[in-house]
Amino acid sequence: MKVIENASEIITIPNDGKHPKRGEGMLDLGIIRNANIWIENGKIVKITREMPQGVDEKIDAKGKVVMPSFVDPHTHPVFAGYRDFELPIKQAGKGYQEILRSGGGIYYTVEKTRYATSEELFNESSKRIEYMIRHGTLAAEAKSGYGIDVENEIKLLEVIKRLSSEYPILLVPTFLLHIIPKGREEGDYVVDIIDKLDLIRKYAQNVDVFCDIDAFSPQWTEIFLKKAQEKGFKLKIHADELGFIGCSSLIKKFNFISMDHMLKTPDEVIMDMRNRDTVAVLLPGTPFSLFKDEFANARKFIDNNVPVAIGTDLNPNCYTENMQEIIDLSIYKMKMKIEEAIVASTYNAAFATGVQDRFGSLGEGREANIIILDIPSYTHLGYHFGVNLVSDIIYKGELI
């Protein structure tokens, strides 16, 4: 028996296992104070002020906060080709689309990634995964997208699988239809990918489409998603980051597990999302990294009972693995309450990733994926920023 003892606060986040939290439900952290967590065979046995008999290992959490590990519902962790050289270009006022059209952005990373070997990609991505874990993320959705052709996309998905097997983290693989290759027509390219969905299904459980200005159209996105749904994929979508062209309106036709970015989403789409379990994954690091003043309107989503999660959007443009930083940005830039940001980075993020059976809450019989924060109260998340607050990490019941 392992025991986390003397925790000042244990954030349990009550879990019905069926639906993400919305509205006022995102304020319920299920806090238990001055208690212990019993762990055996990788699972939580009991949360109580009592101590069991026959304790093999004690983890002291006196003066600290114990909570579910973070879940990052939107990452692009496998790539080659850093884009630090774009920072002064952004400072000079050039936007995402201008950089893309000049040959930078995604196209630059695609070129570098396609020439990198699987071993090179694994070694470079390993550093990112280690940073994620050290900052408290033990599950994440992980996209391909920088290979473009199926052979290179599968190379990325194989690296994601290897990372998940060799590190104490669960990475959920997503095939991302990211950008139209130069010299190709959108429709021809999408049809080629559709023809290979059976092969892709062996490596990914989700599909995602970057449906936006200078990316994929709503028309071809719909055709692709319909075929992918028939093949058994779970559906996600990048929508309304650069503008509204009708991508998020596809909520009327598909049961997405998440719709991501949602920066320019109109009110009518938000109303359509109210009665669904589709999670709006908001990514404040993206506009922050692009020197933008406009962030997703988290308050409008939450106040209209749309489930909200937050994620890093880890990629060479928005280069952070740290969900604590995303909580900070959510509070300061999207006006989320700290309780909402915690639920959005754990419980709702687990639903957006499809791992709610193992992550996102603490309770008897739940898998013990836990972080301990060296803060006296959860209210110090967001308040104490710019440092790593994680002191201890437990993955599948083991202190790592």
Protein backbone atom coordinates (compact mmCIF):
# COMPACT_ATOMS: atom_id res chain seq x y z
CA MET A 1 0.00 0.00 0.00
CA LYS A 2 1.24 3.49 -0.94
CA VAL A 3 -0.11 6.59 0.83
CA ILE A 4 -0.05 10.26 -0.08
CA GLU A 5 -0.38 11.72 3.40
CA ASN A 6 -1.30 15.01 5.06
CA ALA A 7 -2.45 16.79 1.90
CA SER A 8 -3.67 20.30 2.64
CA GLU A 9 -6.11 20.09 -0.28
CA ILE A 10 -7.09 17.19 -2.49
CA ILE A 11 -8.88 18.25 -5.67
CA THR A 12 -11.03 15.29 -6.68
CA ILE A 13 -13.32 16.81 -9.38
CA PRO A 14 -16.44 14.59 -9.04
CA ASN A 15 -16.83 12.40 -12.11
CA ASP A 16 -20.01 10.88 -13.53
CA GLY A 17 -17.96 9.31 -16.33
CA LYS A 18 -20.53 10.31 -18.94
CA HIS A 19 -20.41 14.04 -19.61
CA PRO A 20 -17.90 16.91 -19.50
CA LYS A 21 -18.62 19.73 -17.07
CA ARG A 22 -20.30 22.93 -18.18
CA GLY A 23 -21.47 26.23 -16.71
CA GLU A 24 -21.48 26.32 -12.93
CA GLY A 25 -20.41 22.67 -12.92
CA MET A 26 -16.94 23.87 -13.86
CA LEU A 27 -16.63 25.46 -10.41
CA ASP A 28 -16.97 22.16 -8.53
CA LEU A 29 -13.49 20.91 -7.60
CA GLY A 30 -14.69 18.46 -4.94
CA ILE A 31 -12.03 19.59 -2.47
CA ILE A 32 -11.17 17.39 0.52
CA ARG A 33 -8.85 19.01 3.08
CA ASN A 34 -6.23 17.48 5.39
CA ALA A 35 -6.61 13.95 4.08
CA ASN A 36 -4.68 10.95 2.72
CA ILE A 37 -4.93 8.96 -0.49
CA TRP A 38 -4.44 5.21 -0.33
CA ILE A 39 -3.05 3.66 -3.52
CA GLU A 40 -2.69 -0.01 -4.36
CA ASN A 41 -2.12 -1.83 -7.66
CA GLY A 42 -2.06 1.45 -9.52
CA LYS A 43 -5.47 2.59 -8.32
CA ILE A 44 -6.93 4.80 -5.61
CA VAL A 45 -8.35 2.67 -2.81
CA LYS A 46 -9.59 5.39 -0.52
CA ILE A 47 -9.46 9.13 0.22
CA THR A 48 -9.70 9.52 3.99
CA ARG A 49 -8.16 11.03 7.10
CA GLU A 50 -7.31 7.52 8.30
CA MET A 51 -4.08 5.62 7.72
CA PRO A 52 -4.11 2.01 6.51
CA GLN A 53 -2.21 -0.89 7.98
CA GLY A 54 0.90 -2.15 6.24
CA VAL A 55 2.05 1.00 4.45
CA ASP A 56 4.95 0.33 2.08
CA GLU A 57 5.59 3.89 0.92
CA LYS A 58 4.60 7.31 2.20
CA ILE A 59 4.61 10.49 0.12
CA ASP A 60 4.42 13.60 2.27
CA ALA A 61 2.03 16.24 0.92
CA LYS A 62 1.87 18.44 4.01
CA GLY A 63 1.24 22.04 3.01
CA LYS A 64 0.65 20.98 -0.60
CA VAL A 65 -2.16 20.48 -3.11
CA VAL A 66 -2.91 17.08 -4.61
CA MET A 67 -4.87 16.96 -7.86
CA PRO A 68 -5.43 14.94 -11.05
CA SER A 69 -2.60 15.26 -13.54
CA PHE A 70 -3.05 17.69 -16.39
CA VAL A 71 -4.37 16.43 -19.71
CA ASP A 72 -3.30 18.37 -22.79
CA PRO A 73 -6.06 18.00 -25.41
CA HIS A 74 -4.23 19.61 -28.35
CA THR A 75 -0.55 19.08 -29.20
CA HIS A 76 1.70 18.68 -32.25
CA PRO A 77 4.72 17.21 -30.43
CA VAL A 78 6.57 15.46 -33.27
CA PHE A 79 8.32 17.74 -35.75
CA ALA A 80 11.69 18.97 -36.99
CA GLY A 81 12.40 22.55 -37.91
CA TYR A 82 12.31 25.17 -35.19
CA ARG A 83 10.88 28.54 -36.16
CA ASP A 84 12.57 30.83 -33.67
CA PHE A 85 13.66 32.94 -36.66
CA GLU A 86 10.01 33.96 -37.12
CA LEU A 87 9.89 35.82 -33.80
CA PRO A 88 11.33 39.12 -35.10
CA ILE A 89 9.11 38.77 -38.20
CA LYS A 90 6.08 38.60 -35.92
CA GLN A 91 7.38 41.54 -33.91
CA ALA A 92 7.53 43.51 -37.15
CA GLY A 93 3.81 43.02 -37.58
CA LYS A 94 3.61 40.17 -40.09
CA GLY A 95 0.78 37.76 -39.39
CA TYR A 96 0.38 34.01 -39.61
CA GLN A 97 -0.97 34.06 -43.16
CA GLU A 98 1.75 36.40 -44.47
CA ILE A 99 4.46 34.14 -43.03
CA LEU A 100 2.77 31.09 -44.53
CA ARG A 101 2.47 32.60 -48.01
CA SER A 102 6.12 33.60 -47.97
CA GLY A 103 7.18 29.96 -47.50
CA GLY A 104 7.51 29.99 -43.74
CA GLY A 105 5.13 28.61 -41.15
CA ILE A 106 3.83 25.08 -41.61
CA TYR A 107 5.53 24.61 -44.99
CA TYR A 108 8.97 25.23 -43.46
CA THR A 109 8.35 22.66 -40.72
CA VAL A 110 6.95 20.15 -43.22
CA GLU A 111 10.12 20.31 -45.31
CA LYS A 112 12.38 19.77 -42.29
CA THR A 113 10.17 17.03 -40.84
CA ARG A 114 9.95 15.00 -44.03
CA TYR A 115 13.75 14.83 -44.29
CA ALA A 116 14.20 13.82 -40.65
CA THR A 117 14.54 10.14 -39.79
CA SER A 118 12.26 8.44 -37.29
CA GLU A 119 15.15 8.22 -34.84
CA GLU A 120 15.92 11.93 -35.17
CA LEU A 121 12.27 12.80 -34.64
CA PHE A 122 12.05 10.51 -31.61
CA ASN A 123 15.16 11.97 -29.99
CA GLU A 124 14.03 15.56 -30.51
CA SER A 125 10.44 14.92 -29.46
CA SER A 126 11.59 13.07 -26.34
CA LYS A 127 12.77 16.36 -24.87
CA ARG A 128 9.30 17.84 -25.32
CA ILE A 129 7.63 14.84 -23.72
CA GLU A 130 9.96 15.07 -20.74
CA TYR A 131 9.06 18.75 -20.28
CA MET A 132 5.36 17.89 -20.48
CA ILE A 133 5.72 15.26 -17.76
CA ARG A 134 7.84 17.44 -15.48
CA HIS A 135 5.19 20.14 -15.63
CA GLY A 136 2.41 17.72 -14.70
CA THR A 137 0.94 16.46 -17.99
CA LEU A 138 0.48 12.68 -17.99
CA ALA A 139 -1.93 12.36 -20.93
CA ALA A 140 -2.13 14.28 -24.18
CA GLU A 141 -3.68 14.18 -27.60
CA ALA A 142 -0.81 14.05 -30.13
CA LYS A 143 -1.29 15.00 -33.77
CA SER A 144 0.61 14.18 -36.90
CA GLY A 145 0.33 16.80 -39.67
CA TYR A 146 3.87 17.77 -40.64
CA GLY A 147 4.41 14.90 -43.06
CA ILE A 148 1.52 15.68 -45.46
CA ASP A 149 1.92 12.50 -47.54
CA VAL A 150 0.68 9.32 -45.90
CA GLU A 151 4.10 7.69 -45.67
CA ASN A 152 5.52 10.57 -43.66
CA GLU A 153 2.35 10.97 -41.61
CA ILE A 154 2.61 7.34 -40.55
CA LYS A 155 6.26 7.96 -39.66
CA LEU A 156 5.09 10.64 -37.21
CA LEU A 157 2.31 8.45 -35.80
CA GLU A 158 4.80 5.63 -35.22
CA VAL A 159 7.04 8.03 -33.29
CA ILE A 160 4.04 9.09 -31.18
CA LYS A 161 3.33 5.43 -30.38
CA ARG A 162 6.95 4.84 -29.38
CA LEU A 163 7.03 7.93 -27.16
CA SER A 164 3.88 6.77 -25.38
CA SER A 165 5.38 3.33 -24.77
CA GLU A 166 8.76 4.53 -23.53
CA TYR A 167 7.69 7.43 -21.30
CA PRO A 168 5.24 7.60 -18.37
CA ILE A 169 2.58 9.40 -20.38
CA LEU A 170 -0.42 8.38 -22.48
CA LEU A 171 -0.34 9.93 -25.95
CA VAL A 172 -3.54 9.58 -27.98
CA PRO A 173 -2.68 9.63 -31.72
CA THR A 174 -4.59 11.86 -34.12
CA PHE A 175 -4.16 11.99 -37.89
CA LEU A 176 -4.26 15.66 -38.87
CA LEU A 177 -5.22 16.93 -42.30
CA HIS A 178 -3.06 20.00 -41.83
CA ILE A 179 -2.36 21.84 -45.07
CA ILE A 180 -2.74 21.40 -48.83
CA PRO A 181 0.61 20.45 -50.42
CA LYS A 182 2.06 23.01 -52.78
CA GLY A 183 1.02 22.32 -56.36
CA ARG A 184 -1.93 20.11 -55.39
CA GLU A 185 -5.65 20.76 -55.75
CA GLU A 186 -7.55 20.49 -52.48
CA GLY A 187 -10.08 17.95 -53.75
CA ASP A 188 -7.54 15.64 -55.37
CA TYR A 189 -5.43 15.64 -52.23
CA VAL A 190 -8.37 14.94 -49.92
CA VAL A 191 -9.54 12.05 -52.14
CA ASP A 192 -6.03 10.56 -52.03
CA ILE A 193 -6.07 10.66 -48.22
CA ILE A 194 -9.57 9.18 -48.06
CA ASP A 195 -8.37 6.24 -50.16
CA LYS A 196 -5.76 5.48 -47.47
CA LEU A 197 -7.96 5.80 -44.37
CA ASP A 198 -7.95 2.04 -43.76
CA LEU A 199 -4.16 2.15 -43.49
CA ILE A 200 -4.20 5.27 -41.32
CA ARG A 201 -6.72 3.63 -38.97
CA LYS A 202 -3.99 1.20 -37.88
CA TYR A 203 -2.01 4.11 -36.42
CA ALA A 204 -4.53 6.73 -35.24
CA GLN A 205 -7.84 6.72 -33.39
CA ASN A 206 -8.84 10.33 -34.14
CA VAL A 207 -8.83 12.51 -37.23
CA ASP A 208 -8.59 16.29 -37.26
CA VAL A 209 -8.81 18.88 -40.04
CA PHE A 210 -7.36 22.38 -40.11
CA CYS A 211 -10.46 24.01 -41.61
CA ASP A 212 -9.79 27.71 -41.98
CA ILE A 213 -8.63 30.51 -44.27
CA ASP A 214 -5.70 29.32 -46.44
CA ALA A 215 -6.28 25.76 -45.20
CA PHE A 216 -9.13 23.30 -45.92
CA SER A 217 -12.61 24.40 -46.96
CA PRO A 218 -15.78 23.41 -45.10
CA GLN A 219 -16.93 21.50 -48.19
CA TRP A 220 -13.93 19.18 -48.43
CA THR A 221 -13.63 18.99 -44.65
CA GLU A 222 -17.18 17.62 -44.52
CA ILE A 223 -16.45 15.03 -47.21
CA PHE A 224 -13.32 13.86 -45.40
CA LEU A 225 -14.95 13.73 -41.94
CA LYS A 226 -17.91 11.74 -43.24
CA LYS A 227 -15.60 9.08 -44.69
CA ALA A 228 -13.43 9.04 -41.57
CA GLN A 229 -16.48 8.63 -39.36
CA GLU A 230 -17.57 5.64 -41.44
CA LYS A 231 -14.14 4.09 -40.78
CA GLY A 232 -14.58 4.41 -37.01
CA PHE A 233 -12.42 7.44 -36.25
CA LYS A 234 -13.36 9.91 -33.55
CA LEU A 235 -13.63 13.41 -34.96
CA LYS A 236 -11.89 16.68 -34.04
CA ILE A 237 -11.55 19.94 -35.95
CA HIS A 238 -9.37 23.07 -35.97
CA ALA A 239 -11.94 25.81 -36.55
CA ASP A 240 -12.32 29.60 -36.52
CA GLU A 241 -8.72 30.44 -35.63
CA LEU A 242 -8.05 32.85 -38.50
CA GLY A 243 -11.64 33.63 -39.45
CA PHE A 244 -15.12 32.15 -39.68
CA ILE A 245 -15.70 30.45 -43.04
CA GLY A 246 -18.33 27.97 -41.85
CA CYS A 247 -16.06 25.27 -40.38
CA SER A 248 -17.54 25.24 -36.88
CA SER A 249 -21.04 25.11 -38.40
CA LEU A 250 -20.27 21.45 -39.11
CA ILE A 251 -21.30 20.87 -35.48
CA LYS A 252 -24.80 20.45 -36.96
CA LYS A 253 -23.66 17.41 -38.94
CA PHE A 254 -21.06 15.65 -36.77
CA ASN A 255 -20.55 14.57 -33.18
CA PHE A 256 -17.07 15.98 -32.59
CA ILE A 257 -15.27 15.07 -29.39
CA SER A 258 -13.73 18.53 -29.61
CA MET A 259 -13.69 21.69 -31.71
CA ASP A 260 -10.42 23.55 -31.24
CA HIS A 261 -9.15 27.16 -31.36
CA MET A 262 -12.65 28.74 -31.69
CA LEU A 263 -11.24 32.26 -31.74
CA LYS A 264 -13.73 33.73 -34.24
CA THR A 265 -16.73 31.50 -33.53
CA PRO A 266 -20.10 33.27 -34.04
CA ASP A 267 -22.86 33.27 -31.45
CA GLU A 268 -25.11 30.94 -33.46
CA VAL A 269 -22.51 28.18 -33.40
CA ILE A 270 -22.04 28.59 -29.64
CA MET A 271 -25.81 28.17 -29.29
CA ASP A 272 -25.62 24.97 -31.38
CA MET A 273 -22.94 23.59 -29.03
CA ARG A 274 -24.96 24.06 -25.84
CA ASN A 275 -26.81 20.76 -25.97
CA ARG A 276 -23.85 18.62 -27.02
CA ASP A 277 -20.90 17.03 -25.25
CA THR A 278 -18.49 18.42 -27.84
CA VAL A 279 -15.74 20.22 -25.91
CA ALA A 280 -14.55 23.65 -27.03
CA VAL A 281 -10.76 23.40 -26.71
CA LEU A 282 -9.40 26.92 -26.30
CA LEU A 283 -5.70 27.56 -26.97
CA PRO A 284 -4.59 30.92 -25.55
CA GLY A 285 -0.92 30.21 -26.25
CA THR A 286 -1.58 30.53 -29.98
CA PRO A 287 -2.68 34.19 -30.17
CA PHE A 288 -0.13 34.99 -27.45
CA SER A 289 2.68 33.57 -29.61
CA LEU A 290 1.39 35.51 -32.62
CA PHE A 291 1.40 38.87 -30.77
CA LYS A 292 -2.40 39.02 -31.03
CA ASP A 293 -4.64 40.95 -28.65
CA GLU A 294 -7.73 38.85 -29.36
CA PHE A 295 -8.23 35.62 -27.43
CA ALA A 296 -11.09 33.12 -27.54
CA ASN A 297 -14.15 34.30 -25.64
CA ALA A 298 -14.08 31.72 -22.86
CA ARG A 299 -16.74 33.52 -20.86
CA LYS A 300 -19.27 33.34 -23.68
CA PHE A 301 -18.73 29.59 -24.09
CA ILE A 302 -18.90 28.87 -20.36
CA ASP A 303 -21.83 31.19 -19.66
CA ASN A 304 -23.77 29.45 -22.44
CA ASN A 305 -23.14 25.99 -20.95
CA VAL A 306 -20.60 24.82 -23.54
CA PRO A 307 -17.97 22.48 -22.04
CA VAL A 308 -14.55 24.13 -22.25
CA ALA A 309 -11.05 22.66 -22.12
CA ILE A 310 -7.70 24.37 -22.54
CA GLY A 311 -4.52 23.10 -24.20
CA THR A 312 -1.01 24.17 -25.18
CA ASP A 313 -1.20 23.79 -28.98
CA LEU A 314 2.44 22.70 -28.63
CA ASN A 315 4.02 23.21 -32.07
CA PRO A 316 6.99 25.11 -33.57
CA ASN A 317 4.90 28.30 -33.76
CA CYS A 318 3.43 28.08 -30.24
CA TYR A 319 6.32 26.40 -28.50
CA THR A 320 5.32 25.44 -24.96
CA GLU A 321 4.73 22.11 -23.24
CA ASN A 322 3.58 23.69 -19.98
CA MET A 323 -0.10 23.45 -19.04
CA GLN A 324 0.56 25.64 -16.00
CA GLU A 325 1.44 28.47 -18.39
CA ILE A 326 -1.81 27.84 -20.25
CA ILE A 327 -3.76 28.09 -16.99
CA ASP A 328 -2.05 31.45 -16.40
CA LEU A 329 -3.02 32.73 -19.87
CA SER A 330 -6.57 31.41 -19.46
CA ILE A 331 -7.00 33.42 -16.28
CA TYR A 332 -5.27 36.61 -17.36
CA LYS A 333 -6.23 36.72 -21.04
CA MET A 334 -9.52 34.77 -21.27
CA LYS A 335 -10.94 35.82 -17.86
CA MET A 336 -11.51 32.25 -16.71
CA LYS A 337 -11.92 31.61 -13.00
CA ILE A 338 -9.19 29.47 -11.46
CA GLU A 339 -11.69 26.67 -10.73
CA GLU A 340 -12.80 26.69 -14.39
CA ALA A 341 -9.20 26.61 -15.59
CA ILE A 342 -8.43 23.61 -13.38
CA VAL A 343 -11.45 21.67 -14.64
CA ALA A 344 -10.63 22.72 -18.21
CA SER A 345 -7.06 21.38 -17.90
CA THR A 346 -8.02 18.07 -16.28
CA TYR A 347 -11.58 16.74 -16.39
CA ASN A 348 -12.86 18.42 -19.56
CA ALA A 349 -9.48 18.01 -21.26
CA ALA A 350 -9.76 14.28 -20.60
CA PHE A 351 -13.14 14.20 -22.39
CA ALA A 352 -11.70 16.17 -25.31
CA THR A 353 -8.92 13.59 -25.55
CA GLY A 354 -11.09 10.52 -24.98
CA VAL A 355 -9.30 9.40 -21.80
CA GLN A 356 -11.93 10.29 -19.19
CA ASP A 357 -12.00 6.68 -17.97
CA ARG A 358 -8.42 7.02 -16.66
CA PHE A 359 -7.67 10.73 -16.22
CA GLY A 360 -9.23 13.97 -15.05
CA SER A 361 -10.51 13.15 -11.58
CA LEU A 362 -9.60 11.36 -8.34
CA GLY A 363 -11.80 8.85 -6.57
CA GLU A 364 -12.05 5.30 -5.31
CA GLY A 365 -11.30 2.80 -8.06
CA ARG A 366 -9.80 5.46 -10.35
CA GLU A 367 -6.34 5.02 -11.85
CA ALA A 368 -3.83 6.97 -9.75
CA ASN A 369 -2.52 9.61 -12.18
CA ILE A 370 -1.75 12.39 -9.75
CA ILE A 371 0.38 15.49 -9.34
CA ILE A 372 1.38 17.23 -6.11
CA LEU A 373 1.84 20.98 -6.23
CA ASP A 374 4.08 22.80 -3.75
CA ILE A 375 1.48 25.47 -2.99
CA PRO A 376 -0.71 25.96 0.11
CA SER A 377 -3.96 26.21 -1.87
CA TYR A 378 -5.21 25.69 -5.41
CA THR A 379 -5.76 29.45 -5.61
CA HIS A 380 -2.00 29.85 -6.06
CA LEU A 381 -2.31 28.33 -9.54
CA GLY A 382 -2.34 31.36 -11.81
CA TYR A 383 -1.40 33.63 -8.91
CA HIS A 384 2.14 32.23 -8.67
CA PHE A 385 3.23 32.14 -12.30
CA GLY A 386 6.44 31.63 -14.26
CA VAL A 387 7.72 28.65 -12.25
CA ASN A 388 7.03 24.92 -12.15
CA LEU A 389 4.80 24.27 -9.13
CA VAL A 390 4.88 20.45 -9.46
CA SER A 391 6.88 18.70 -6.73
CA ASP A 392 5.81 15.06 -7.19
CA ILE A 393 4.25 12.99 -9.99
CA ILE A 394 2.42 9.66 -9.69
CA TYR A 395 1.67 7.75 -12.92
CA LYS A 396 -0.40 4.55 -12.70
CA GLY A 397 0.21 4.57 -8.95
CA GLU A 398 4.00 4.83 -9.20
CA LEU A 399 6.06 7.79 -8.03
CA ILE A 400 8.10 8.90 -11.02
